[in-house]
Amino acid sequence: MATLVRRLFKIGLFISLFLLSIRYVPPNNVWTESESNAYWAASDWLGVQDPRDFYFVFWVTIELIVAALAYVAIMKLWRCYRMK
């Protein structure tokens, strides 16, 4: 039972970190000319119709990586704390 609770806690922690990082995705609706060209080129290269879809997936991927790194850091700090 304790293992199930630990796993659920870890899943909840990761999901909450991910949602917290998603909360702060910059809602930049106005792109500069160079940003617009870069997003158009990347979306054309990947075969995505709308560069805004590519923008959203790009930032969600970055936020997923940030959440994973924060999760790993929290787990390592917790292990260090428990060892003392």
Foldseek 3Di string as FASTA:
>chain_A
DVVVVVVVVLVVLLVVQLVVLVVPQDPPPDDDPVVVVVLVVVCVVVVHDDSVVVVVVVSSVVSNVVSVVVSVVVVVVVVVVVVD
